[in-house]
N, C-alpha and C. Protein backbone atom coordinates (compact mmCIF):
# COMPACT_ATOMS: atom_id res chain seq x y z
N UNK A 1 87.62 102.21 78.27
CA UNK A 1 88.09 103.26 79.16
C UNK A 1 89.07 104.15 78.42
N UNK A 2 88.96 105.45 78.66
CA UNK A 2 89.82 106.41 77.98
C UNK A 2 91.25 106.26 78.43
N UNK A 3 92.20 106.47 77.49
CA UNK A 3 93.62 106.41 77.82
C UNK A 3 94.16 107.79 78.18
N UNK A 4 93.28 108.75 78.39
CA UNK A 4 93.69 110.11 78.73
C UNK A 4 94.53 110.11 80.00
N UNK A 5 95.67 110.79 80.01
CA UNK A 5 96.49 110.88 81.23
C UNK A 5 95.67 111.43 82.40
N UNK A 6 95.94 110.89 83.58
CA UNK A 6 95.11 111.24 84.72
C UNK A 6 95.23 112.73 85.09
N UNK A 7 96.41 113.30 84.93
CA UNK A 7 96.58 114.72 85.25
C UNK A 7 95.65 115.58 84.41
N UNK A 8 95.51 115.23 83.14
CA UNK A 8 94.61 115.98 82.27
C UNK A 8 93.15 115.78 82.68
N UNK A 9 92.83 114.54 83.03
CA UNK A 9 91.46 114.24 83.46
C UNK A 9 91.12 115.02 84.72
N UNK A 10 92.04 115.09 85.68
CA UNK A 10 91.79 115.82 86.91
C UNK A 10 91.63 117.31 86.64
N UNK A 11 92.40 117.82 85.68
CA UNK A 11 92.28 119.23 85.31
C UNK A 11 90.89 119.52 84.75
N UNK A 12 90.38 118.60 83.94
CA UNK A 12 89.03 118.77 83.40
C UNK A 12 87.99 118.71 84.51
N UNK A 13 88.21 117.83 85.50
CA UNK A 13 87.29 117.76 86.63
C UNK A 13 87.28 119.08 87.39
N UNK A 14 88.46 119.63 87.60
CA UNK A 14 88.53 120.92 88.30
C UNK A 14 87.84 122.01 87.50
N UNK A 15 87.79 121.82 86.20
CA UNK A 15 87.10 122.78 85.34
C UNK A 15 85.60 122.59 85.32
N UNK A 16 85.11 121.57 86.00
CA UNK A 16 83.67 121.38 86.13
C UNK A 16 83.02 120.58 85.03
N UNK A 17 83.80 119.81 84.26
CA UNK A 17 83.22 119.01 83.17
C UNK A 17 82.56 117.76 83.74
N UNK A 18 81.27 117.61 83.53
CA UNK A 18 80.54 116.45 84.03
C UNK A 18 81.07 115.15 83.46
N UNK A 19 81.42 115.17 82.17
CA UNK A 19 81.94 113.95 81.54
C UNK A 19 83.26 113.52 82.16
N UNK A 20 84.06 114.48 82.58
CA UNK A 20 85.33 114.16 83.21
C UNK A 20 85.12 113.49 84.56
N UNK A 21 84.14 113.99 85.32
CA UNK A 21 83.83 113.36 86.60
C UNK A 21 83.33 111.93 86.40
N UNK A 22 82.51 111.72 85.39
CA UNK A 22 82.03 110.37 85.09
C UNK A 22 83.20 109.44 84.79
N UNK A 23 84.15 109.93 84.01
CA UNK A 23 85.32 109.13 83.66
C UNK A 23 86.16 108.81 84.90
N UNK A 24 86.32 109.80 85.77
CA UNK A 24 87.11 109.59 86.98
C UNK A 24 86.46 108.54 87.87
N UNK A 25 85.14 108.61 88.01
CA UNK A 25 84.44 107.62 88.80
C UNK A 25 84.57 106.22 88.19
N UNK A 26 84.43 106.13 86.88
CA UNK A 26 84.55 104.85 86.20
C UNK A 26 85.93 104.22 86.43
N UNK A 27 86.94 105.06 86.46
CA UNK A 27 88.30 104.55 86.65
C UNK A 27 88.55 104.03 88.06
N UNK A 28 87.95 104.69 89.06
CA UNK A 28 88.39 104.43 90.43
C UNK A 28 87.31 103.89 91.37
N UNK A 29 86.06 103.86 90.95
CA UNK A 29 84.99 103.46 91.86
C UNK A 29 85.16 102.01 92.32
N UNK A 30 85.41 101.11 91.40
CA UNK A 30 85.51 99.69 91.77
C UNK A 30 86.68 99.44 92.70
N UNK A 31 87.82 100.07 92.44
CA UNK A 31 88.99 99.90 93.29
C UNK A 31 88.72 100.44 94.69
N UNK A 32 88.05 101.58 94.77
CA UNK A 32 87.69 102.13 96.07
C UNK A 32 86.75 101.19 96.81
N UNK A 33 85.80 100.60 96.08
CA UNK A 33 84.88 99.66 96.70
C UNK A 33 85.58 98.44 97.26
N UNK A 34 86.52 97.89 96.50
CA UNK A 34 87.26 96.72 96.99
C UNK A 34 88.09 97.07 98.22
N UNK A 35 88.69 98.25 98.21
CA UNK A 35 89.50 98.70 99.34
C UNK A 35 88.63 98.83 100.59
N UNK A 36 87.49 99.49 100.47
CA UNK A 36 86.58 99.69 101.60
C UNK A 36 86.05 98.35 102.10
N UNK A 37 85.71 97.46 101.17
CA UNK A 37 85.13 96.16 101.53
C UNK A 37 86.06 95.37 102.46
N UNK A 38 87.37 95.54 102.27
CA UNK A 38 88.34 94.79 103.08
C UNK A 38 88.58 95.41 104.45
N UNK A 39 88.14 96.64 104.66
CA UNK A 39 88.48 97.34 105.88
C UNK A 39 87.66 96.91 107.09
N UNK A 40 86.53 96.25 106.87
CA UNK A 40 85.69 95.81 107.99
C UNK A 40 85.02 94.50 107.63
N UNK A 41 85.11 93.54 108.52
CA UNK A 41 84.57 92.21 108.24
C UNK A 41 83.05 92.21 108.14
N UNK A 42 82.40 93.18 108.80
CA UNK A 42 80.94 93.17 108.84
C UNK A 42 80.30 94.14 107.85
N UNK A 43 81.06 94.70 106.94
CA UNK A 43 80.47 95.59 105.93
C UNK A 43 79.66 94.78 104.91
N UNK A 44 78.42 95.19 104.68
CA UNK A 44 77.64 94.64 103.59
C UNK A 44 77.95 95.43 102.33
N UNK A 45 77.46 94.94 101.20
CA UNK A 45 77.67 95.69 99.97
C UNK A 45 76.95 97.03 100.00
N UNK A 46 75.84 97.06 100.70
CA UNK A 46 75.12 98.33 100.85
C UNK A 46 75.96 99.31 101.66
N UNK A 47 76.63 98.81 102.70
CA UNK A 47 77.53 99.66 103.49
C UNK A 47 78.65 100.21 102.62
N UNK A 48 79.26 99.33 101.83
CA UNK A 48 80.36 99.76 100.96
C UNK A 48 79.89 100.82 99.99
N UNK A 49 78.71 100.62 99.44
CA UNK A 49 78.16 101.60 98.51
C UNK A 49 77.99 102.96 99.19
N UNK A 50 77.48 102.94 100.41
CA UNK A 50 77.26 104.20 101.13
C UNK A 50 78.59 104.89 101.44
N UNK A 51 79.58 104.11 101.87
CA UNK A 51 80.89 104.69 102.15
C UNK A 51 81.50 105.28 100.89
N UNK A 52 81.40 104.55 99.79
CA UNK A 52 81.97 105.03 98.52
C UNK A 52 81.32 106.33 98.07
N UNK A 53 80.04 106.45 98.28
CA UNK A 53 79.36 107.69 97.93
C UNK A 53 79.92 108.85 98.75
N UNK A 54 80.17 108.61 100.04
CA UNK A 54 80.77 109.64 100.88
C UNK A 54 82.19 109.97 100.42
N UNK A 55 82.92 108.94 100.00
CA UNK A 55 84.29 109.14 99.53
C UNK A 55 84.32 110.05 98.31
N UNK A 56 83.46 109.77 97.34
CA UNK A 56 83.51 110.55 96.11
C UNK A 56 82.89 111.94 96.28
N UNK A 57 82.00 112.09 97.24
CA UNK A 57 81.54 113.43 97.57
C UNK A 57 82.69 114.25 98.15
N UNK A 58 83.51 113.59 98.98
CA UNK A 58 84.68 114.26 99.54
C UNK A 58 85.68 114.61 98.45
N UNK A 59 85.83 113.72 97.47
CA UNK A 59 86.73 114.00 96.35
C UNK A 59 86.27 115.23 95.59
N UNK A 60 84.97 115.29 95.33
CA UNK A 60 84.42 116.44 94.60
C UNK A 60 84.69 117.74 95.36
N UNK A 61 84.49 117.70 96.68
CA UNK A 61 84.66 118.91 97.49
C UNK A 61 86.12 119.30 97.66
N UNK A 62 87.01 118.32 97.64
CA UNK A 62 88.40 118.59 98.03
C UNK A 62 89.43 118.36 96.94
N UNK A 63 88.98 118.14 95.72
CA UNK A 63 89.95 117.86 94.65
C UNK A 63 90.95 119.01 94.48
N UNK A 64 90.53 120.22 94.79
CA UNK A 64 91.44 121.36 94.64
C UNK A 64 92.64 121.26 95.58
N UNK A 65 92.53 120.46 96.64
CA UNK A 65 93.63 120.33 97.59
C UNK A 65 94.62 119.25 97.17
N UNK A 66 94.25 118.45 96.18
CA UNK A 66 95.16 117.39 95.71
C UNK A 66 96.22 118.02 94.81
N UNK A 67 97.48 117.94 95.24
CA UNK A 67 98.57 118.60 94.54
C UNK A 67 99.32 117.70 93.56
N UNK A 68 98.97 116.41 93.53
CA UNK A 68 99.64 115.51 92.61
C UNK A 68 100.97 115.01 93.09
N UNK A 69 101.27 115.16 94.40
CA UNK A 69 102.53 114.66 94.93
C UNK A 69 102.54 113.13 95.01
N UNK A 70 101.37 112.54 95.04
CA UNK A 70 101.24 111.08 95.03
C UNK A 70 100.24 110.72 93.95
N UNK A 71 100.03 109.43 93.75
CA UNK A 71 99.03 109.01 92.79
C UNK A 71 97.63 109.36 93.32
N UNK A 72 96.74 109.69 92.41
CA UNK A 72 95.38 110.06 92.81
C UNK A 72 94.73 108.93 93.59
N UNK A 73 94.92 107.69 93.15
CA UNK A 73 94.25 106.57 93.81
C UNK A 73 94.73 106.41 95.24
N UNK A 74 96.01 106.70 95.50
CA UNK A 74 96.51 106.63 96.87
C UNK A 74 95.83 107.67 97.74
N UNK A 75 95.69 108.87 97.21
CA UNK A 75 94.97 109.94 97.92
C UNK A 75 93.53 109.51 98.17
N UNK A 76 92.92 108.89 97.18
CA UNK A 76 91.55 108.40 97.30
C UNK A 76 91.44 107.35 98.39
N UNK A 77 92.41 106.43 98.46
CA UNK A 77 92.38 105.38 99.48
C UNK A 77 92.48 105.96 100.89
N UNK A 78 93.25 107.03 101.04
CA UNK A 78 93.38 107.63 102.36
C UNK A 78 92.05 108.25 102.79
N UNK A 79 91.35 108.87 101.85
CA UNK A 79 90.01 109.39 102.15
C UNK A 79 89.08 108.23 102.49
N UNK A 80 89.16 107.15 101.70
CA UNK A 80 88.29 105.99 101.91
C UNK A 80 88.52 105.37 103.28
N UNK A 81 89.76 105.28 103.72
CA UNK A 81 90.05 104.71 105.03
C UNK A 81 89.40 105.54 106.13
N UNK A 82 89.47 106.85 106.02
CA UNK A 82 88.86 107.72 107.02
C UNK A 82 87.34 107.61 107.01
N UNK A 83 86.75 107.60 105.82
CA UNK A 83 85.30 107.50 105.71
C UNK A 83 84.79 106.15 106.22
N UNK A 84 85.54 105.09 105.92
CA UNK A 84 85.15 103.75 106.39
C UNK A 84 85.22 103.69 107.91
N UNK A 85 86.25 104.31 108.47
CA UNK A 85 86.40 104.32 109.92
C UNK A 85 85.25 105.09 110.57
N UNK A 86 84.88 106.22 109.99
CA UNK A 86 83.74 107.00 110.52
C UNK A 86 82.45 106.19 110.45
N UNK A 87 82.28 105.47 109.33
CA UNK A 87 81.06 104.68 109.14
C UNK A 87 80.99 103.56 110.18
N UNK A 88 82.10 102.89 110.42
CA UNK A 88 82.13 101.80 111.41
C UNK A 88 81.79 102.32 112.80
N UNK A 89 82.33 103.49 113.13
CA UNK A 89 82.05 104.06 114.45
C UNK A 89 80.57 104.38 114.60
N UNK A 90 79.95 104.88 113.53
CA UNK A 90 78.51 105.17 113.57
C UNK A 90 77.71 103.87 113.71
N UNK A 91 78.15 102.83 112.99
CA UNK A 91 77.47 101.54 113.11
C UNK A 91 77.51 101.02 114.54
N UNK A 92 78.69 101.04 115.12
CA UNK A 92 78.85 100.51 116.47
C UNK A 92 78.07 101.34 117.48
N UNK A 93 78.04 102.65 117.28
CA UNK A 93 77.26 103.50 118.17
C UNK A 93 75.77 103.19 118.04
N UNK A 94 75.31 102.93 116.82
CA UNK A 94 73.90 102.60 116.59
C UNK A 94 73.55 101.28 117.25
N UNK A 95 74.46 100.31 117.16
CA UNK A 95 74.21 99.01 117.78
C UNK A 95 74.14 99.13 119.30
N UNK A 96 75.04 99.95 119.84
CA UNK A 96 75.00 100.15 121.29
C UNK A 96 73.72 100.84 121.72
N UNK A 97 73.16 101.64 120.80
CA UNK A 97 71.91 102.34 121.10
C UNK A 97 70.67 101.50 120.89
N UNK A 98 70.85 100.27 120.44
CA UNK A 98 69.72 99.36 120.30
C UNK A 98 69.08 99.35 118.94
N UNK A 99 69.60 100.17 117.98
CA UNK A 99 69.01 100.16 116.65
C UNK A 99 69.42 98.92 115.89
N UNK A 100 68.57 98.44 115.02
CA UNK A 100 68.89 97.33 114.16
C UNK A 100 69.25 97.87 112.79
N UNK A 101 70.45 97.54 112.33
CA UNK A 101 70.89 98.00 111.03
C UNK A 101 70.45 97.03 109.95
N UNK A 102 69.97 97.51 108.82
CA UNK A 102 69.49 96.62 107.76
C UNK A 102 70.61 95.85 107.11
N UNK A 103 70.32 94.60 106.76
CA UNK A 103 71.25 93.77 106.01
C UNK A 103 70.75 93.67 104.59
N UNK A 104 71.53 94.18 103.66
CA UNK A 104 71.08 94.21 102.27
C UNK A 104 71.58 92.97 101.53
N UNK A 105 70.66 92.36 100.78
CA UNK A 105 71.03 91.26 99.89
C UNK A 105 71.05 91.75 98.45
N UNK A 106 70.88 93.06 98.27
CA UNK A 106 70.83 93.64 96.93
C UNK A 106 72.21 94.13 96.55
N UNK A 107 72.80 93.56 95.53
CA UNK A 107 74.17 93.91 95.16
C UNK A 107 74.24 95.14 94.28
N UNK A 108 73.12 95.50 93.64
CA UNK A 108 73.16 96.59 92.66
C UNK A 108 72.33 97.76 93.14
N UNK A 109 72.89 98.95 93.02
CA UNK A 109 72.18 100.14 93.40
C UNK A 109 71.09 100.44 92.37
N UNK A 110 69.87 100.66 92.86
CA UNK A 110 68.73 100.82 91.95
C UNK A 110 68.82 102.09 91.12
N UNK A 111 69.43 103.12 91.65
CA UNK A 111 69.48 104.41 90.96
C UNK A 111 70.67 104.51 90.01
N UNK A 112 71.85 104.09 90.49
CA UNK A 112 73.05 104.26 89.67
C UNK A 112 73.35 103.06 88.78
N UNK A 113 72.84 101.88 89.19
CA UNK A 113 73.15 100.68 88.43
C UNK A 113 74.55 100.17 88.70
N UNK A 114 75.28 100.82 89.62
CA UNK A 114 76.63 100.40 89.93
C UNK A 114 76.60 99.17 90.82
N UNK A 115 77.50 98.25 90.58
CA UNK A 115 77.54 97.04 91.38
C UNK A 115 78.97 96.71 91.74
N UNK A 116 79.23 96.51 93.02
CA UNK A 116 80.54 96.09 93.47
C UNK A 116 80.63 94.58 93.36
N UNK A 117 81.81 94.10 93.11
CA UNK A 117 81.98 92.66 92.93
C UNK A 117 83.20 92.17 93.69
N UNK A 118 83.16 92.26 95.04
CA UNK A 118 84.28 91.75 95.81
C UNK A 118 84.41 90.25 95.62
N UNK A 119 85.62 89.71 95.64
CA UNK A 119 85.79 88.28 95.43
C UNK A 119 85.17 87.46 96.54
N UNK A 120 84.62 86.30 96.20
CA UNK A 120 84.01 85.41 97.17
C UNK A 120 84.81 84.12 97.26
N UNK A 121 85.10 83.69 98.48
CA UNK A 121 85.84 82.43 98.66
C UNK A 121 84.91 81.23 98.59
N UNK A 122 83.62 81.48 98.61
CA UNK A 122 82.61 80.41 98.50
C UNK A 122 82.80 79.35 99.56
N UNK A 123 83.09 79.76 100.80
CA UNK A 123 83.29 78.81 101.88
C UNK A 123 81.97 78.49 102.56
N UNK A 124 81.99 77.47 103.41
CA UNK A 124 80.79 77.07 104.14
C UNK A 124 80.43 78.16 105.14
N UNK A 125 79.13 78.24 105.54
CA UNK A 125 78.70 79.29 106.45
C UNK A 125 79.47 79.32 107.77
N UNK A 126 79.80 78.13 108.33
CA UNK A 126 80.51 78.12 109.61
C UNK A 126 81.92 78.67 109.45
N UNK A 127 82.55 78.40 108.29
CA UNK A 127 83.88 78.94 108.03
C UNK A 127 83.81 80.45 107.83
N UNK A 128 82.77 80.90 107.13
CA UNK A 128 82.58 82.34 106.94
C UNK A 128 82.44 83.04 108.28
N UNK A 129 81.67 82.43 109.19
CA UNK A 129 81.46 83.03 110.50
C UNK A 129 82.77 83.11 111.27
N UNK A 130 83.54 82.03 111.26
CA UNK A 130 84.82 82.00 111.96
C UNK A 130 85.77 83.04 111.39
N UNK A 131 85.85 83.08 110.06
CA UNK A 131 86.74 84.06 109.42
C UNK A 131 86.29 85.48 109.74
N UNK A 132 84.97 85.70 109.76
CA UNK A 132 84.45 87.01 110.07
C UNK A 132 84.79 87.44 111.49
N UNK A 133 84.69 86.49 112.43
CA UNK A 133 85.01 86.81 113.82
C UNK A 133 86.49 87.13 113.96
N UNK A 134 87.34 86.35 113.30
CA UNK A 134 88.78 86.60 113.38
C UNK A 134 89.13 87.92 112.70
N UNK A 135 88.49 88.19 111.58
CA UNK A 135 88.76 89.44 110.87
C UNK A 135 88.38 90.64 111.73
N UNK A 136 87.28 90.51 112.48
CA UNK A 136 86.86 91.60 113.35
C UNK A 136 87.86 91.79 114.49
N UNK A 137 88.41 90.69 115.00
CA UNK A 137 89.43 90.81 116.04
C UNK A 137 90.68 91.49 115.51
N UNK A 138 91.07 91.13 114.30
CA UNK A 138 92.22 91.77 113.68
C UNK A 138 91.94 93.26 113.48
N UNK A 139 90.71 93.56 113.05
CA UNK A 139 90.33 94.96 112.85
C UNK A 139 90.40 95.72 114.17
N UNK A 140 89.96 95.09 115.25
CA UNK A 140 90.03 95.71 116.57
C UNK A 140 91.47 95.99 116.95
N UNK A 141 92.35 95.02 116.68
CA UNK A 141 93.77 95.21 116.97
C UNK A 141 94.35 96.34 116.13
N UNK A 142 93.96 96.38 114.87
CA UNK A 142 94.48 97.41 113.97
C UNK A 142 94.05 98.80 114.43
N UNK A 143 92.86 98.91 115.00
CA UNK A 143 92.38 100.20 115.50
C UNK A 143 93.21 100.69 116.68
N UNK A 144 93.95 99.78 117.32
CA UNK A 144 94.69 100.14 118.52
C UNK A 144 96.17 100.45 118.27
N UNK A 145 96.64 100.27 117.04
CA UNK A 145 98.08 100.46 116.80
C UNK A 145 98.44 101.93 116.63
N UNK A 146 97.46 102.81 116.46
CA UNK A 146 97.75 104.22 116.27
C UNK A 146 97.74 104.60 114.80
N UNK A 147 97.46 105.86 114.52
CA UNK A 147 97.26 106.30 113.15
C UNK A 147 98.44 106.06 112.20
N UNK A 148 99.68 106.40 112.57
CA UNK A 148 100.79 106.18 111.62
C UNK A 148 100.90 104.72 111.19
N UNK A 149 100.81 103.81 112.16
CA UNK A 149 100.93 102.38 111.84
C UNK A 149 99.70 101.88 111.10
N UNK A 150 98.54 102.30 111.55
CA UNK A 150 97.31 101.85 110.90
C UNK A 150 97.29 102.27 109.42
N UNK A 151 97.73 103.49 109.16
CA UNK A 151 97.71 103.99 107.79
C UNK A 151 98.65 103.20 106.89
N UNK A 152 99.88 102.97 107.34
CA UNK A 152 100.85 102.29 106.48
C UNK A 152 100.45 100.84 106.25
N UNK A 153 99.85 100.20 107.27
CA UNK A 153 99.40 98.81 107.11
C UNK A 153 98.20 98.74 106.17
N UNK A 154 97.26 99.66 106.33
CA UNK A 154 96.08 99.66 105.45
C UNK A 154 96.48 99.90 103.99
N UNK A 155 97.36 100.86 103.76
CA UNK A 155 97.76 101.16 102.39
C UNK A 155 98.56 100.02 101.78
N UNK A 156 99.39 99.37 102.60
CA UNK A 156 100.23 98.29 102.06
C UNK A 156 99.42 97.01 101.81
N UNK A 157 98.60 96.62 102.77
CA UNK A 157 97.94 95.31 102.67
C UNK A 157 96.52 95.37 102.12
N UNK A 158 95.84 96.50 102.30
CA UNK A 158 94.50 96.64 101.73
C UNK A 158 94.55 97.39 100.40
N UNK A 159 95.38 98.44 100.36
CA UNK A 159 95.51 99.22 99.12
C UNK A 159 96.51 98.63 98.14
N UNK A 160 97.31 97.66 98.60
CA UNK A 160 98.27 96.97 97.75
C UNK A 160 99.31 97.93 97.15
N UNK A 161 99.69 98.95 97.92
CA UNK A 161 100.71 99.88 97.44
C UNK A 161 102.09 99.26 97.56
N UNK A 162 102.93 99.54 96.60
CA UNK A 162 104.31 99.08 96.65
C UNK A 162 105.10 99.93 97.64
N UNK A 163 106.32 99.49 97.95
CA UNK A 163 107.16 100.27 98.84
C UNK A 163 107.48 101.63 98.22
N UNK A 164 107.66 101.65 96.91
CA UNK A 164 107.95 102.92 96.22
C UNK A 164 106.77 103.87 96.33
N UNK A 165 105.55 103.33 96.18
CA UNK A 165 104.36 104.16 96.29
C UNK A 165 104.16 104.66 97.71
N UNK A 166 104.44 103.80 98.68
CA UNK A 166 104.36 104.22 100.07
C UNK A 166 105.38 105.31 100.37
N UNK A 167 106.55 105.15 99.81
CA UNK A 167 107.61 106.13 100.00
C UNK A 167 107.19 107.50 99.50
N UNK A 168 106.59 107.53 98.30
CA UNK A 168 106.15 108.80 97.72
C UNK A 168 104.99 109.39 98.49
N UNK A 169 104.05 108.55 98.90
CA UNK A 169 102.85 109.04 99.57
C UNK A 169 103.16 109.56 100.97
N UNK A 170 104.05 108.87 101.70
CA UNK A 170 104.32 109.22 103.09
C UNK A 170 105.55 110.11 103.25
N UNK A 171 106.16 110.47 102.12
CA UNK A 171 107.36 111.31 102.14
C UNK A 171 108.49 110.70 102.98
N UNK A 172 108.71 109.41 102.74
CA UNK A 172 109.76 108.67 103.44
C UNK A 172 110.63 107.98 102.40
N UNK A 173 111.89 107.75 102.75
CA UNK A 173 112.71 106.97 101.83
C UNK A 173 112.36 105.50 101.98
N UNK A 174 112.61 104.68 100.96
CA UNK A 174 112.19 103.27 100.99
C UNK A 174 112.70 102.50 102.20
N UNK A 175 113.93 102.78 102.65
CA UNK A 175 114.46 102.07 103.82
C UNK A 175 113.66 102.41 105.07
N UNK A 176 113.24 103.66 105.19
CA UNK A 176 112.43 104.05 106.34
C UNK A 176 111.06 103.40 106.26
N UNK A 177 110.49 103.30 105.05
CA UNK A 177 109.21 102.62 104.88
C UNK A 177 109.32 101.17 105.34
N UNK A 178 110.39 100.51 104.91
CA UNK A 178 110.60 99.11 105.28
C UNK A 178 110.72 98.96 106.79
N UNK A 179 111.49 99.84 107.41
CA UNK A 179 111.70 99.77 108.86
C UNK A 179 110.41 100.06 109.62
N UNK A 180 109.68 101.10 109.19
CA UNK A 180 108.45 101.45 109.88
C UNK A 180 107.40 100.36 109.75
N UNK A 181 107.28 99.79 108.55
CA UNK A 181 106.29 98.74 108.35
C UNK A 181 106.61 97.54 109.21
N UNK A 182 107.90 97.19 109.31
CA UNK A 182 108.31 96.07 110.14
C UNK A 182 107.94 96.29 111.60
N UNK A 183 108.23 97.49 112.11
CA UNK A 183 107.92 97.80 113.50
C UNK A 183 106.41 97.81 113.73
N UNK A 184 105.67 98.33 112.76
CA UNK A 184 104.21 98.39 112.90
C UNK A 184 103.58 97.01 112.89
N UNK A 185 104.11 96.12 112.06
CA UNK A 185 103.58 94.75 112.03
C UNK A 185 103.88 94.03 113.34
N UNK A 186 105.06 94.27 113.90
CA UNK A 186 105.39 93.68 115.20
C UNK A 186 104.45 94.21 116.29
N UNK A 187 104.17 95.52 116.22
CA UNK A 187 103.27 96.13 117.19
C UNK A 187 101.86 95.56 117.04
N UNK A 188 101.41 95.40 115.78
CA UNK A 188 100.09 94.83 115.53
C UNK A 188 100.00 93.41 116.05
N UNK A 189 101.04 92.63 115.84
CA UNK A 189 101.04 91.23 116.30
C UNK A 189 100.96 91.17 117.82
N UNK A 190 101.68 92.07 118.50
CA UNK A 190 101.65 92.09 119.96
C UNK A 190 100.28 92.45 120.49
N UNK A 191 99.65 93.47 119.88
CA UNK A 191 98.31 93.88 120.31
C UNK A 191 97.29 92.79 120.02
N UNK A 192 97.42 92.17 118.84
CA UNK A 192 96.47 91.13 118.45
C UNK A 192 96.53 89.93 119.38
N UNK A 193 97.72 89.63 119.88
CA UNK A 193 97.86 88.51 120.80
C UNK A 193 97.01 88.72 122.04
N UNK A 194 96.92 89.97 122.48
CA UNK A 194 96.08 90.28 123.64
C UNK A 194 94.60 90.27 123.25
N UNK A 195 94.30 90.84 122.08
CA UNK A 195 92.91 90.89 121.63
C UNK A 195 92.34 89.50 121.43
N UNK A 196 93.16 88.62 120.87
CA UNK A 196 92.69 87.26 120.59
C UNK A 196 92.56 86.42 121.86
N UNK A 197 93.12 86.91 122.96
CA UNK A 197 92.97 86.24 124.26
C UNK A 197 93.36 84.77 124.22
N UNK A 198 94.54 84.51 123.71
CA UNK A 198 95.03 83.13 123.69
C UNK A 198 94.83 82.42 122.40
N UNK A 199 93.92 82.92 121.50
CA UNK A 199 93.73 82.29 120.20
C UNK A 199 94.88 82.68 119.30
N UNK A 200 95.39 81.77 118.51
CA UNK A 200 96.47 82.07 117.60
C UNK A 200 96.05 83.17 116.63
N UNK A 201 96.92 84.14 116.47
CA UNK A 201 96.61 85.28 115.60
C UNK A 201 96.84 84.92 114.14
N UNK A 202 96.06 83.98 113.64
CA UNK A 202 96.28 83.47 112.29
C UNK A 202 95.81 84.41 111.21
N UNK A 203 95.18 85.53 111.60
CA UNK A 203 94.71 86.48 110.60
C UNK A 203 95.67 87.61 110.33
N UNK A 204 96.84 87.61 110.95
CA UNK A 204 97.76 88.73 110.79
C UNK A 204 98.68 88.55 109.60
N UNK A 205 99.11 89.65 109.00
CA UNK A 205 100.07 89.55 107.91
C UNK A 205 101.43 89.16 108.47
N UNK A 206 102.18 88.37 107.73
CA UNK A 206 103.53 88.05 108.16
C UNK A 206 104.40 89.28 108.00
N UNK A 207 105.43 89.37 108.80
CA UNK A 207 106.37 90.48 108.71
C UNK A 207 107.39 90.15 107.64
N UNK A 208 107.33 90.80 106.46
CA UNK A 208 108.21 90.45 105.37
C UNK A 208 109.65 90.88 105.61
N UNK A 209 109.87 91.70 106.64
CA UNK A 209 111.21 92.18 106.92
C UNK A 209 111.96 91.18 107.78
N UNK A 210 111.30 90.75 108.88
CA UNK A 210 111.96 89.85 109.82
C UNK A 210 111.67 88.39 109.53
N UNK A 211 110.62 88.14 108.76
CA UNK A 211 110.24 86.77 108.48
C UNK A 211 109.41 86.17 109.58
N UNK A 212 109.13 86.94 110.63
CA UNK A 212 108.33 86.43 111.75
C UNK A 212 106.87 86.84 111.57
N UNK A 213 106.02 86.12 112.29
CA UNK A 213 104.60 86.47 112.27
C UNK A 213 103.83 85.54 111.35
N UNK A 214 102.58 85.24 111.70
CA UNK A 214 101.76 84.31 110.93
C UNK A 214 101.20 84.96 109.68
N UNK A 215 100.71 84.16 108.79
CA UNK A 215 100.05 84.65 107.57
C UNK A 215 98.60 84.25 107.63
N UNK A 216 97.77 84.90 106.81
CA UNK A 216 96.36 84.52 106.81
C UNK A 216 95.49 85.53 106.12
N UNK A 217 94.76 86.31 106.89
CA UNK A 217 93.72 87.18 106.37
C UNK A 217 94.21 88.11 105.28
N UNK A 218 95.40 88.71 105.45
CA UNK A 218 95.85 89.71 104.52
C UNK A 218 96.72 89.14 103.39
N UNK A 219 96.95 87.84 103.42
CA UNK A 219 97.81 87.25 102.39
C UNK A 219 97.21 87.46 101.01
N UNK A 220 98.06 87.74 100.03
CA UNK A 220 97.59 87.98 98.68
C UNK A 220 98.18 86.94 97.76
């Protein structure tokens, strides 16, 4: 991988250099795939591939709007979160309409040769099913916390952004980031308790500020 500074690489992309776009994709495609893969328990690798294609099409169309106030990957993750959310809504609408969505067992795209490699816990099928159901419940709860909270939680726990990176991206000082994240996690835990309908919310991230809240799905 080239050690070229990202600002220079982005400038070349804006200049229309095909090789620069290839380099940008090589740098960030896998990370975007891992981020998207974590956003929905029922995403197949084919789904992730489709979302990522939409993400990078959006990057191509909108790179001129990226001002460099945050890291490029953070900007990319915000686009990915929106595209993943749109894709999930289309999936759910299709299911309600009676369509059957294909389940792909093919990990590699036949045309691009690109392959995502999300980590596998190699658990038994019944455990996978249970974890998937809980993850979907957590996802449902996360959809209900509202955009400001959903964004900061997704970037922190799925995008693995530091407090400093969150501060720069959201234009907040670190103390405000810490306070907002704490309040959002408490809000998520409260909503999840209702969503889980009496089941222990073992899939929620612990609140690192107050020390309260269970650990599980988002633990790293």
